[in-house]
Amino acid sequence: MKIKVINGPNLNYLGKREVEIYGSMTLNDIENFVTKKLGEMGFSSVKHDWYQSNSESEIIEAIQELKDSDYNLLVINPAAYTHTSVAILDALKMLSIPVVEVHISNTINREDFRSQKITTKSSSAVIEGMGYKGYLLAILGYLLEDNDGN
């Protein structure tokens, strides 16, 4: 089982910016948390590769690399590109694997412009407002569904 986790702009500053919204954990802390919890839950064989870029074109290239690859799931936090990027939406539509979109904060409770979500239109599921645990929930949702056959 291989999972790609793609993170968009400014997420490299998690733990350092807007801590009251995003919390104090860094992206590396979140990755380590996910690894630890998956192991504790019996999913230590699940590989999850994490990627972050502030560049829309690099995110698109990372998504395109998943086409016809051996990855089983994409977890993506497009960050601000959620609200603006038709190009990322189009890249996501090329994939035949499930896509779970994650947002650390509840974007509905924030600025009005954040209520429009372009990239979500290609997602199998969306998890938002659950903080850093949203990444783990996205992966577990897929793993449990896959194991149940539903």
Protein backbone atom coordinates (compact mmCIF):
# COMPACT_ATOMS: atom_id res chain seq x y z
CA MET A 1 0.00 0.00 0.00
CA LYS A 2 1.48 3.34 -1.09
CA ILE A 3 0.04 6.73 -0.31
CA LYS A 4 1.20 10.11 -1.59
CA VAL A 5 0.61 13.16 0.60
CA ILE A 6 0.93 16.48 -1.24
CA ASN A 7 0.94 19.79 0.62
CA GLY A 8 0.55 23.21 -0.92
CA PRO A 9 1.78 26.73 -0.26
CA ASN A 10 2.82 27.97 3.17
CA LEU A 11 2.41 24.58 4.79
CA ASN A 12 6.20 24.49 5.14
CA TYR A 13 5.60 27.16 7.82
CA LEU A 14 3.19 25.11 9.92
CA GLY A 15 3.99 25.58 13.58
CA LYS A 16 5.40 29.04 12.87
CA ARG A 17 2.53 30.99 11.32
CA GLU A 18 -1.02 31.54 12.50
CA VAL A 19 -0.55 29.00 15.28
CA GLU A 20 -4.00 29.89 16.63
CA ILE A 21 -5.50 28.53 13.38
CA TYR A 22 -3.09 25.78 12.32
CA GLY A 23 -1.54 24.68 15.62
CA SER A 24 2.05 24.30 16.72
CA MET A 25 2.99 21.12 14.86
CA THR A 26 5.27 21.35 11.85
CA LEU A 27 4.65 19.35 8.69
CA ASN A 28 7.47 17.01 9.75
CA ASP A 29 5.80 16.59 13.17
CA ILE A 30 2.55 15.66 11.44
CA GLU A 31 4.28 13.12 9.20
CA ASN A 32 5.94 11.55 12.26
CA PHE A 33 2.59 11.50 14.10
CA VAL A 34 0.94 9.71 11.16
CA THR A 35 3.78 7.16 10.96
CA LYS A 36 3.59 6.48 14.69
CA LYS A 37 -0.20 6.12 14.78
CA LEU A 38 -0.34 3.90 11.69
CA GLY A 39 2.23 1.61 13.33
CA GLU A 40 0.28 1.50 16.59
CA MET A 41 -2.86 0.57 14.66
CA GLY A 42 -1.24 -2.29 12.75
CA PHE A 43 -0.64 -0.44 9.50
CA SER A 44 3.15 -0.13 9.71
CA SER A 45 3.55 -1.61 6.22
CA VAL A 46 1.70 1.34 4.68
CA LYS A 47 4.15 3.60 2.87
CA HIS A 48 3.32 7.29 2.82
CA ASP A 49 5.51 9.71 0.90
CA TRP A 50 5.14 13.39 1.77
CA TYR A 51 5.76 16.32 -0.55
CA GLN A 52 5.35 20.08 -0.12
CA SER A 53 5.68 22.91 -2.59
CA ASN A 54 4.73 26.56 -2.73
CA SER A 55 4.66 26.34 -6.53
CA GLU A 56 1.45 25.51 -8.37
CA SER A 57 3.36 24.03 -11.31
CA GLU A 58 5.42 21.74 -9.05
CA ILE A 59 2.26 20.52 -7.31
CA ILE A 60 0.71 19.77 -10.71
CA GLU A 61 3.83 17.83 -11.74
CA ALA A 62 3.72 15.84 -8.48
CA ILE A 63 0.07 14.97 -9.17
CA GLN A 64 0.83 14.00 -12.78
CA GLU A 65 3.57 11.63 -11.60
CA LEU A 66 0.87 9.61 -9.84
CA LYS A 67 -0.92 8.78 -13.10
CA ASP A 68 -0.27 5.12 -13.92
CA SER A 69 1.94 4.76 -10.82
CA ASP A 70 1.73 2.16 -8.06
CA TYR A 71 0.23 4.61 -5.55
CA ASN A 72 -3.15 3.64 -4.11
CA LEU A 73 -4.28 6.97 -2.64
CA LEU A 74 -3.55 10.68 -2.82
CA VAL A 75 -4.07 12.82 0.26
CA ILE A 76 -3.77 16.46 -0.73
CA ASN A 77 -3.88 19.73 1.14
CA PRO A 78 -3.78 22.27 -1.68
CA ALA A 79 -3.95 25.07 0.91
CA ALA A 80 -4.86 28.39 -0.73
CA TYR A 81 -4.83 26.78 -4.18
CA THR A 82 -8.07 25.06 -3.16
CA HIS A 83 -9.85 28.33 -3.84
CA THR A 84 -8.08 29.35 -7.04
CA SER A 85 -6.53 26.54 -9.06
CA VAL A 86 -8.43 25.10 -11.98
CA ALA A 87 -5.06 23.73 -13.15
CA ILE A 88 -4.69 21.58 -10.02
CA LEU A 89 -8.33 20.48 -10.39
CA ASP A 90 -7.63 19.38 -13.97
CA ALA A 91 -4.53 17.44 -12.89
CA LEU A 92 -6.50 15.71 -10.13
CA LYS A 93 -9.19 14.69 -12.63
CA MET A 94 -6.57 12.68 -14.55
CA LEU A 95 -6.05 10.30 -11.64
CA SER A 96 -7.78 6.96 -11.32
CA ILE A 97 -6.93 6.58 -7.62
CA PRO A 98 -9.01 8.04 -4.78
CA VAL A 99 -8.19 11.60 -3.71
CA VAL A 100 -8.88 12.82 -0.18
CA GLU A 101 -8.56 16.56 0.34
CA VAL A 102 -7.49 17.68 3.81
CA HIS A 103 -7.66 21.11 5.43
CA ILE A 104 -6.31 21.66 8.92
CA SER A 105 -8.74 24.49 9.64
CA ASN A 106 -12.47 24.64 9.02
CA THR A 107 -12.39 26.90 5.97
CA ILE A 108 -16.14 27.52 6.11
CA ASN A 109 -15.66 29.41 9.39
CA ARG A 110 -13.02 31.68 7.92
CA GLU A 111 -13.00 34.43 5.29
CA ASP A 112 -15.82 34.31 2.73
CA PHE A 113 -13.46 33.69 -0.20
CA ARG A 114 -12.38 30.41 1.43
CA SER A 115 -15.88 28.96 1.09
CA GLN A 116 -15.33 28.46 -2.67
CA LYS A 117 -13.43 25.22 -3.18
CA ILE A 118 -12.36 24.48 -6.73
CA THR A 119 -10.11 21.46 -6.19
CA THR A 120 -12.64 19.69 -3.98
CA LYS A 121 -14.72 18.89 -7.06
CA SER A 122 -12.31 16.05 -7.90
CA SER A 123 -12.05 14.61 -4.39
CA SER A 124 -13.51 11.34 -3.19
CA ALA A 125 -13.76 12.84 0.30
CA VAL A 126 -12.87 16.01 2.19
CA ILE A 127 -11.71 16.28 5.80
CA GLU A 128 -11.42 19.73 7.28
CA GLY A 129 -11.34 21.36 10.66
CA MET A 130 -9.83 18.32 12.41
CA GLY A 131 -6.39 19.89 12.77
CA TYR A 132 -3.29 17.84 12.06
CA LYS A 133 -5.26 14.66 12.78
CA GLY A 134 -7.10 15.16 9.48
CA TYR A 135 -4.16 13.61 7.62
CA LEU A 136 -4.38 10.44 9.70
CA LEU A 137 -8.17 10.35 9.35
CA ALA A 138 -7.86 10.61 5.56
CA ILE A 139 -5.51 7.64 5.42
CA LEU A 140 -7.48 5.56 7.93
CA GLY A 141 -10.71 6.22 6.08
CA TYR A 142 -9.19 4.72 2.97
CA LEU A 143 -7.50 1.81 4.75
CA LEU A 144 -10.66 0.84 6.63
CA GLU A 145 -12.75 1.12 3.48
CA ASP A 146 -10.20 -0.94 1.54
CA ASN A 147 -10.11 -3.65 4.22
CA ASP A 148 -13.91 -3.81 4.43
CA GLY A 149 -14.31 -3.97 0.67
CA ASN A 150 -16.81 -1.09 0.86
